């Protein structure tokens, strides 16, 4: 169970003591994703497709994860908008830059717009899928074996897991749970999300000279946005 505890310790703020990550840690990345998905589900059940529902879901997820995916999202776009020779320094800076603030506002606007169409989803349980798939994708990226040593904790994890042992398991779990909830449509939604976010990761790796923790955090947020949009469109009525 060391690998399970490691995945929770790395992707959440649940107080678990783990001396070193287990070899199969990334295989359990779906579990923190499931917990974040339950936060989304509960927020939708309590507040519905309202601003309070969105704030409750994103805020609750941020508390669970310590805000790390959002930090990665903001720092990635801060670094991208900086001059090429300053990108790494800007990404590592502790403060939030103007570019990050702009992209934060845009991201929240996208989530707010999507949340308003929440009743279009075929079932409230479907709200579990975007956060689950986001962490499944993060686990899968360890199979790429191109993590930047500047992201110390994730680089050590990649070494401990022997280049991503079990990194395909979160994808399988995500597809199975998606299939239980929405049938074969989950293959279309999850597959399209993987392709789009995979292209983003390839672009980011080229911009920053390698894969890093901030880039994976940004990929998680984008996965939630893209998959939620596709779920609403494909299981409900189009968004106008």
C-alpha atoms as a PDB file:
ATOM      1  CA  UNK A   1       0.000   0.000   0.000  1.00  0.00           C
ATOM      2  CA  UNK A   2       3.065   2.246  -0.025  1.00  0.00           C
ATOM      3  CA  UNK A   3       2.450   3.238  -3.641  1.00  0.00           C
ATOM      4  CA  UNK A   4      -1.167   4.148  -2.885  1.00  0.00           C
ATOM      5  CA  UNK A   5      -0.108   6.366   0.033  1.00  0.00           C
ATOM      6  CA  UNK A   6       2.590   7.910  -2.135  1.00  0.00           C
ATOM      7  CA  UNK A   7       0.097   8.923  -4.814  1.00  0.00           C
ATOM      8  CA  UNK A   8      -2.150  10.567  -2.217  1.00  0.00           C
ATOM      9  CA  UNK A   9       0.801  12.312  -0.562  1.00  0.00           C
ATOM     10  CA  UNK A  10       2.064  13.684  -3.905  1.00  0.00           C
ATOM     11  CA  UNK A  11      -1.225  14.820  -5.455  1.00  0.00           C
ATOM     12  CA  UNK A  12      -3.167  15.861  -2.340  1.00  0.00           C
ATOM     13  CA  UNK A  13      -2.611  17.580   0.976  1.00  0.00           C
ATOM     14  CA  UNK A  14      -3.833  14.599   2.979  1.00  0.00           C
ATOM     15  CA  UNK A  15      -1.287  14.274   5.819  1.00  0.00           C
ATOM     16  CA  UNK A  16       0.393  10.971   5.015  1.00  0.00           C
ATOM     17  CA  UNK A  17       3.975  10.179   5.880  1.00  0.00           C
ATOM     18  CA  UNK A  18       5.842   8.537   3.028  1.00  0.00           C
ATOM     19  CA  UNK A  19       9.632   8.301   3.106  1.00  0.00           C
ATOM     20  CA  UNK A  20       9.999   7.523  -0.597  1.00  0.00           C
ATOM     21  CA  UNK A  21       7.545   6.954  -3.458  1.00  0.00           C
ATOM     22  CA  UNK A  22       6.607   3.378  -4.245  1.00  0.00           C
ATOM     23  CA  UNK A  23       7.464   1.801  -7.567  1.00  0.00           C
ATOM     24  CA  UNK A  24       3.797   1.694  -8.642  1.00  0.00           C
ATOM     25  CA  UNK A  25       2.883   5.166  -7.378  1.00  0.00           C
ATOM     26  CA  UNK A  26       1.739   6.561 -10.736  1.00  0.00           C
ATOM     27  CA  UNK A  27      -0.525   3.543 -11.186  1.00  0.00           C
ATOM     28  CA  UNK A  28      -2.603   4.980  -8.320  1.00  0.00           C
ATOM     29  CA  UNK A  29      -2.875   8.532  -9.694  1.00  0.00           C
ATOM     30  CA  UNK A  30      -6.502   7.815 -10.541  1.00  0.00           C
ATOM     31  CA  UNK A  31      -7.394   7.674  -6.823  1.00  0.00           C
ATOM     32  CA  UNK A  32      -6.564  11.347  -6.030  1.00  0.00           C
ATOM     33  CA  UNK A  33      -8.427  12.150  -9.251  1.00  0.00           C
ATOM     34  CA  UNK A  34     -11.459  10.246  -8.012  1.00  0.00           C
ATOM     35  CA  UNK A  35     -11.372  12.187  -4.729  1.00  0.00           C
ATOM     36  CA  UNK A  36     -11.213  15.492  -6.618  1.00  0.00           C
ATOM     37  CA  UNK A  37     -14.067  14.279  -8.816  1.00  0.00           C
ATOM     38  CA  UNK A  38     -16.197  13.554  -5.753  1.00  0.00           C
ATOM     39  CA  UNK A  39     -15.605  17.165  -4.658  1.00  0.00           C
ATOM     40  CA  UNK A  40     -16.983  18.325  -8.026  1.00  0.00           C
ATOM     41  CA  UNK A  41     -19.938  15.970  -7.746  1.00  0.00           C
ATOM     42  CA  UNK A  42     -20.863  17.069  -4.210  1.00  0.00           C
ATOM     43  CA  UNK A  43     -20.591  20.738  -5.144  1.00  0.00           C
ATOM     44  CA  UNK A  44     -22.901  20.243  -8.108  1.00  0.00           C
ATOM     45  CA  UNK A  45     -25.374  18.249  -6.026  1.00  0.00           C
ATOM     46  CA  UNK A  46     -25.488  20.942  -3.320  1.00  0.00           C
ATOM     47  CA  UNK A  47     -25.321  24.134  -5.396  1.00  0.00           C
ATOM     48  CA  UNK A  48     -26.261  23.019  -8.903  1.00  0.00           C
ATOM     49  CA  UNK A  49     -25.097  24.823 -12.067  1.00  0.00           C
ATOM     50  CA  UNK A  50     -24.470  28.124 -10.290  1.00  0.00           C
ATOM     51  CA  UNK A  51     -21.485  30.319  -9.517  1.00  0.00           C
ATOM     52  CA  UNK A  52     -21.489  28.884  -5.991  1.00  0.00           C
ATOM     53  CA  UNK A  53     -21.294  25.396  -7.489  1.00  0.00           C
ATOM     54  CA  UNK A  54     -18.248  26.317  -9.554  1.00  0.00           C
ATOM     55  CA  UNK A  55     -16.516  28.059  -6.650  1.00  0.00           C
ATOM     56  CA  UNK A  56     -17.280  25.131  -4.361  1.00  0.00           C
ATOM     57  CA  UNK A  57     -15.893  22.606  -6.844  1.00  0.00           C
ATOM     58  CA  UNK A  58     -12.734  24.467  -7.828  1.00  0.00           C
ATOM     59  CA  UNK A  59     -12.150  25.759  -4.300  1.00  0.00           C
ATOM     60  CA  UNK A  60     -12.663  22.345  -2.750  1.00  0.00           C
ATOM     61  CA  UNK A  61     -10.350  20.769  -5.309  1.00  0.00           C
ATOM     62  CA  UNK A  62      -7.730  23.459  -4.605  1.00  0.00           C
ATOM     63  CA  UNK A  63      -7.912  22.701  -0.885  1.00  0.00           C
ATOM     64  CA  UNK A  64      -7.546  18.979  -1.568  1.00  0.00           C
ATOM     65  CA  UNK A  65      -4.545  19.447  -3.856  1.00  0.00           C
ATOM     66  CA  UNK A  66      -2.944  22.481  -2.241  1.00  0.00           C
ATOM     67  CA  UNK A  67      -3.647  24.380  -5.462  1.00  0.00           C
ATOM     68  CA  UNK A  68      -0.678  22.749  -7.228  1.00  0.00           C
ATOM     69  CA  UNK A  69      -2.411  22.212 -10.606  1.00  0.00           C
ATOM     70  CA  UNK A  70      -3.516  25.849 -10.646  1.00  0.00           C
ATOM     71  CA  UNK A  71      -0.041  26.998  -9.679  1.00  0.00           C
ATOM     72  CA  UNK A  72       1.345  24.997 -12.580  1.00  0.00           C
ATOM     73  CA  UNK A  73      -1.251  26.457 -14.950  1.00  0.00           C
ATOM     74  CA  UNK A  74      -0.398  30.025 -13.969  1.00  0.00           C
ATOM     75  CA  UNK A  75       3.376  29.565 -13.990  1.00  0.00           C
ATOM     76  CA  UNK A  76       3.298  27.803 -17.355  1.00  0.00           C
ATOM     77  CA  UNK A  77       1.561  30.691 -19.066  1.00  0.00           C
ATOM     78  CA  UNK A  78       3.648  33.226 -17.179  1.00  0.00           C
ATOM     79  CA  UNK A  79       6.748  31.543 -18.542  1.00  0.00           C
ATOM     80  CA  UNK A  80       5.346  31.225 -22.048  1.00  0.00           C
ATOM     81  CA  UNK A  81       4.669  34.957 -22.302  1.00  0.00           C
ATOM     82  CA  UNK A  82       8.155  35.840 -21.028  1.00  0.00           C
ATOM     83  CA  UNK A  83      11.180  36.296 -23.323  1.00  0.00           C
ATOM     84  CA  UNK A  84      12.724  32.967 -24.318  1.00  0.00           C
ATOM     85  CA  UNK A  85      15.866  33.484 -22.208  1.00  0.00           C
ATOM     86  CA  UNK A  86      13.773  34.220 -19.097  1.00  0.00           C
ATOM     87  CA  UNK A  87      11.142  31.482 -19.324  1.00  0.00           C
ATOM     88  CA  UNK A  88      12.683  29.100 -16.823  1.00  0.00           C
ATOM     89  CA  UNK A  89      13.351  31.852 -14.273  1.00  0.00           C
ATOM     90  CA  UNK A  90       9.810  33.204 -14.621  1.00  0.00           C
ATOM     91  CA  UNK A  91       8.378  29.697 -14.240  1.00  0.00           C
ATOM     92  CA  UNK A  92      10.312  29.174 -11.022  1.00  0.00           C
ATOM     93  CA  UNK A  93       9.484  32.600  -9.555  1.00  0.00           C
ATOM     94  CA  UNK A  94       7.327  32.579  -6.421  1.00  0.00           C
ATOM     95  CA  UNK A  95       5.117  35.515  -7.421  1.00  0.00           C
ATOM     96  CA  UNK A  96       2.296  35.565  -9.955  1.00  0.00           C
ATOM     97  CA  UNK A  97       2.969  37.612 -13.057  1.00  0.00           C
ATOM     98  CA  UNK A  98       0.560  39.659 -15.125  1.00  0.00           C
ATOM     99  CA  UNK A  99       0.264  36.973 -17.809  1.00  0.00           C
ATOM    100  CA  UNK A 100      -0.634  34.355 -15.237  1.00  0.00           C
ATOM    101  CA  UNK A 101      -3.313  36.632 -13.800  1.00  0.00           C
ATOM    102  CA  UNK A 102      -4.839  37.128 -17.261  1.00  0.00           C
ATOM    103  CA  UNK A 103      -4.935  33.392 -17.960  1.00  0.00           C
ATOM    104  CA  UNK A 104      -6.375  32.762 -14.495  1.00  0.00           C
ATOM    105  CA  UNK A 105      -9.237  35.115 -15.298  1.00  0.00           C
ATOM    106  CA  UNK A 106      -9.806  33.444 -18.668  1.00  0.00           C
ATOM    107  CA  UNK A 107      -9.778  29.967 -17.120  1.00  0.00           C
ATOM    108  CA  UNK A 108     -12.286  30.931 -14.438  1.00  0.00           C
ATOM    109  CA  UNK A 109     -14.516  32.496 -17.096  1.00  0.00           C
ATOM    110  CA  UNK A 110     -14.408  29.250 -19.090  1.00  0.00           C
ATOM    111  CA  UNK A 111     -15.262  27.161 -16.040  1.00  0.00           C
ATOM    112  CA  UNK A 112     -18.090  29.543 -15.090  1.00  0.00           C
ATOM    113  CA  UNK A 113     -19.543  29.338 -18.605  1.00  0.00           C
ATOM    114  CA  UNK A 114     -19.341  25.539 -18.594  1.00  0.00           C
ATOM    115  CA  UNK A 115     -20.818  25.261 -15.126  1.00  0.00           C
ATOM    116  CA  UNK A 116     -23.914  27.176 -16.214  1.00  0.00           C
ATOM    117  CA  UNK A 117     -24.631  24.354 -18.660  1.00  0.00           C
ATOM    118  CA  UNK A 118     -24.221  21.651 -16.037  1.00  0.00           C
ATOM    119  CA  UNK A 119     -27.827  20.506 -16.282  1.00  0.00           C
ATOM    120  CA  UNK A 120     -27.067  19.357 -19.813  1.00  0.00           C
ATOM    121  CA  UNK A 121     -25.095  16.410 -18.467  1.00  0.00           C
ATOM    122  CA  UNK A 122     -26.873  13.081 -18.536  1.00  0.00           C
ATOM    123  CA  UNK A 123     -26.107  12.371 -14.863  1.00  0.00           C
ATOM    124  CA  UNK A 124     -24.671  14.245 -11.900  1.00  0.00           C
ATOM    125  CA  UNK A 125     -22.157  11.433 -11.477  1.00  0.00           C
ATOM    126  CA  UNK A 126     -20.516  12.507 -14.740  1.00  0.00           C
ATOM    127  CA  UNK A 127     -19.011  15.454 -12.834  1.00  0.00           C
ATOM    128  CA  UNK A 128     -16.536  13.001 -11.350  1.00  0.00           C
ATOM    129  CA  UNK A 129     -14.882  12.363 -14.710  1.00  0.00           C
ATOM    130  CA  UNK A 130     -12.956  15.602 -15.559  1.00  0.00           C
ATOM    131  CA  UNK A 131     -10.804  15.647 -12.383  1.00  0.00           C
ATOM    132  CA  UNK A 132     -10.371  11.868 -12.580  1.00  0.00           C
ATOM    133  CA  UNK A 133      -9.221  12.035 -16.194  1.00  0.00           C
ATOM    134  CA  UNK A 134      -6.908  14.967 -15.421  1.00  0.00           C
ATOM    135  CA  UNK A 135      -4.932  12.886 -12.884  1.00  0.00           C
ATOM    136  CA  UNK A 136      -5.065   9.833 -15.139  1.00  0.00           C
ATOM    137  CA  UNK A 137      -3.357  11.880 -17.839  1.00  0.00           C
ATOM    138  CA  UNK A 138      -0.731  13.077 -15.350  1.00  0.00           C
ATOM    139  CA  UNK A 139       0.100   9.478 -14.510  1.00  0.00           C
ATOM    140  CA  UNK A 140       0.271   8.517 -18.177  1.00  0.00           C
ATOM    141  CA  UNK A 141       2.847  11.226 -18.946  1.00  0.00           C
ATOM    142  CA  UNK A 142       5.401   9.403 -16.791  1.00  0.00           C
ATOM    143  CA  UNK A 143       5.617   6.838 -19.586  1.00  0.00           C
ATOM    144  CA  UNK A 144       7.118   9.586 -21.769  1.00  0.00           C
ATOM    145  CA  UNK A 145      10.310   9.467 -19.650  1.00  0.00           C
ATOM    146  CA  UNK A 146      11.127  13.088 -20.437  1.00  0.00           C
ATOM    147  CA  UNK A 147      10.651  14.794 -17.088  1.00  0.00           C
ATOM    148  CA  UNK A 148      12.819  17.851 -16.436  1.00  0.00           C
ATOM    149  CA  UNK A 149      15.162  17.526 -13.440  1.00  0.00           C
ATOM    150  CA  UNK A 150      14.155  21.075 -12.403  1.00  0.00           C
ATOM    151  CA  UNK A 151      10.900  19.582 -11.030  1.00  0.00           C
ATOM    152  CA  UNK A 152      12.671  17.766  -8.219  1.00  0.00           C
ATOM    153  CA  UNK A 153       9.776  15.865  -6.637  1.00  0.00           C
ATOM    154  CA  UNK A 154       8.356  14.591  -9.932  1.00  0.00           C
ATOM    155  CA  UNK A 155      11.831  13.788 -11.243  1.00  0.00           C
ATOM    156  CA  UNK A 156      12.531  11.656  -8.164  1.00  0.00           C
ATOM    157  CA  UNK A 157       9.163   9.996  -8.644  1.00  0.00           C
ATOM    158  CA  UNK A 158      10.021   9.166 -12.254  1.00  0.00           C
ATOM    159  CA  UNK A 159      13.283   7.601 -11.121  1.00  0.00           C
ATOM    160  CA  UNK A 160      11.600   5.637  -8.314  1.00  0.00           C
ATOM    161  CA  UNK A 161       8.947   4.281 -10.670  1.00  0.00           C
ATOM    162  CA  UNK A 162      11.511   3.102 -13.194  1.00  0.00           C
ATOM    163  CA  UNK A 163      10.371   5.406 -15.983  1.00  0.00           C
ATOM    164  CA  UNK A 164       6.680   5.223 -15.212  1.00  0.00           C
ATOM    165  CA  UNK A 165       5.845   1.654 -14.259  1.00  0.00           C
ATOM    166  CA  UNK A 166       2.061   1.348 -14.258  1.00  0.00           C
ATOM    167  CA  UNK A 167       1.571   4.715 -15.994  1.00  0.00           C
ATOM    168  CA  UNK A 168      -1.059   3.251 -18.338  1.00  0.00           C
ATOM    169  CA  UNK A 169      -3.174   1.903 -15.483  1.00  0.00           C
ATOM    170  CA  UNK A 170      -4.771   5.306 -14.626  1.00  0.00           C
ATOM    171  CA  UNK A 171      -5.895   5.632 -18.254  1.00  0.00           C
ATOM    172  CA  UNK A 172      -7.497   2.205 -18.120  1.00  0.00           C
ATOM    173  CA  UNK A 173      -9.267   3.001 -14.844  1.00  0.00           C
ATOM    174  CA  UNK A 174     -10.456   6.334 -16.246  1.00  0.00           C
ATOM    175  CA  UNK A 175     -11.872   4.646 -19.350  1.00  0.00           C
ATOM    176  CA  UNK A 176     -13.576   1.913 -17.337  1.00  0.00           C
ATOM    177  CA  UNK A 177     -15.237   4.348 -14.926  1.00  0.00           C
ATOM    178  CA  UNK A 178     -16.188   6.589 -17.836  1.00  0.00           C
ATOM    179  CA  UNK A 179     -17.678   3.604 -19.628  1.00  0.00           C
ATOM    180  CA  UNK A 180     -19.744   2.716 -16.564  1.00  0.00           C
ATOM    181  CA  UNK A 181     -21.150   6.275 -16.437  1.00  0.00           C
ATOM    182  CA  UNK A 182     -21.626   7.225 -20.082  1.00  0.00           C
ATOM    183  CA  UNK A 183     -20.859   4.103 -22.094  1.00  0.00           C
ATOM    184  CA  UNK A 184     -18.652   4.061 -25.182  1.00  0.00           C
ATOM    185  CA  UNK A 185     -19.004   7.836 -25.441  1.00  0.00           C
ATOM    186  CA  UNK A 186     -16.279   8.054 -22.806  1.00  0.00           C
ATOM    187  CA  UNK A 187     -13.787   6.731 -25.366  1.00  0.00           C
ATOM    188  CA  UNK A 188     -14.587   9.660 -27.663  1.00  0.00           C
ATOM    189  CA  UNK A 189     -14.466  12.285 -24.915  1.00  0.00           C
ATOM    190  CA  UNK A 190     -11.422  10.973 -23.101  1.00  0.00           C
ATOM    191  CA  UNK A 191      -9.627  10.155 -26.355  1.00  0.00           C
ATOM    192  CA  UNK A 192     -10.173  13.647 -27.774  1.00  0.00           C
ATOM    193  CA  UNK A 193      -9.039  15.191 -24.483  1.00  0.00           C
ATOM    194  CA  UNK A 194      -5.866  13.094 -24.514  1.00  0.00           C
ATOM    195  CA  UNK A 195      -5.037  14.109 -28.070  1.00  0.00           C
ATOM    196  CA  UNK A 196      -5.574  17.826 -27.466  1.00  0.00           C
ATOM    197  CA  UNK A 197      -3.750  17.945 -24.139  1.00  0.00           C
ATOM    198  CA  UNK A 198      -1.017  15.681 -25.524  1.00  0.00           C
ATOM    199  CA  UNK A 199      -0.384  18.255 -28.248  1.00  0.00           C
ATOM    200  CA  UNK A 200      -0.243  20.942 -25.570  1.00  0.00           C
ATOM    201  CA  UNK A 201       2.363  18.920 -23.661  1.00  0.00           C
ATOM    202  CA  UNK A 202       4.468  18.455 -26.783  1.00  0.00           C
ATOM    203  CA  UNK A 203       4.333  22.205 -27.368  1.00  0.00           C
ATOM    204  CA  UNK A 204       5.163  22.955 -23.736  1.00  0.00           C
ATOM    205  CA  UNK A 205       8.057  20.528 -23.688  1.00  0.00           C
ATOM    206  CA  UNK A 206       9.516  22.293 -26.707  1.00  0.00           C
ATOM    207  CA  UNK A 207       8.980  25.770 -25.223  1.00  0.00           C
ATOM    208  CA  UNK A 208      10.510  24.926 -21.844  1.00  0.00           C
ATOM    209  CA  UNK A 209      13.078  22.385 -22.973  1.00  0.00           C
ATOM    210  CA  UNK A 210      11.457  19.464 -21.167  1.00  0.00           C
ATOM    211  CA  UNK A 211       8.491  18.217 -19.188  1.00  0.00           C
ATOM    212  CA  UNK A 212       8.118  19.738 -15.735  1.00  0.00           C
ATOM    213  CA  UNK A 213       5.711  19.719 -12.811  1.00  0.00           C
ATOM    214  CA  UNK A 214       4.193  23.081 -13.731  1.00  0.00           C
ATOM    215  CA  UNK A 215       3.465  21.886 -17.251  1.00  0.00           C
ATOM    216  CA  UNK A 216       1.730  18.781 -15.897  1.00  0.00           C
ATOM    217  CA  UNK A 217      -0.352  20.977 -13.586  1.00  0.00           C
ATOM    218  CA  UNK A 218      -1.394  23.112 -16.541  1.00  0.00           C
ATOM    219  CA  UNK A 219      -2.249  19.952 -18.474  1.00  0.00           C
ATOM    220  CA  UNK A 220      -4.501  18.826 -15.605  1.00  0.00           C
ATOM    221  CA  UNK A 221      -6.472  22.076 -15.637  1.00  0.00           C
ATOM    222  CA  UNK A 222      -6.786  22.003 -19.426  1.00  0.00           C
ATOM    223  CA  UNK A 223      -7.946  18.379 -19.299  1.00  0.00           C
ATOM    224  CA  UNK A 224     -10.722  19.388 -16.909  1.00  0.00           C
ATOM    225  CA  UNK A 225     -11.800  22.241 -19.179  1.00  0.00           C
ATOM    226  CA  UNK A 226     -11.706  20.284 -22.419  1.00  0.00           C
ATOM    227  CA  UNK A 227     -13.297  17.106 -21.099  1.00  0.00           C
ATOM    228  CA  UNK A 228     -16.060  19.031 -19.303  1.00  0.00           C
ATOM    229  CA  UNK A 229     -16.853  20.927 -22.499  1.00  0.00           C
ATOM    230  CA  UNK A 230     -16.942  17.703 -24.538  1.00  0.00           C
ATOM    231  CA  UNK A 231     -19.065  15.951 -21.926  1.00  0.00           C
ATOM    232  CA  UNK A 232     -21.623  18.750 -21.950  1.00  0.00           C
ATOM    233  CA  UNK A 233     -21.739  18.908 -25.738  1.00  0.00           C
ATOM    234  CA  UNK A 234     -21.787  15.150 -26.391  1.00  0.00           C
ATOM    235  CA  UNK A 235     -24.112  14.067 -23.592  1.00  0.00           C
ATOM    236  CA  UNK A 236     -26.427  17.063 -23.585  1.00  0.00           C
ATOM    237  CA  UNK A 237     -27.300  19.988 -25.775  1.00  0.00           C
ATOM    238  CA  UNK A 238     -24.771  22.215 -27.569  1.00  0.00           C
ATOM    239  CA  UNK A 239     -23.353  25.274 -25.820  1.00  0.00           C
ATOM    240  CA  UNK A 240     -24.275  28.545 -27.504  1.00  0.00           C
END
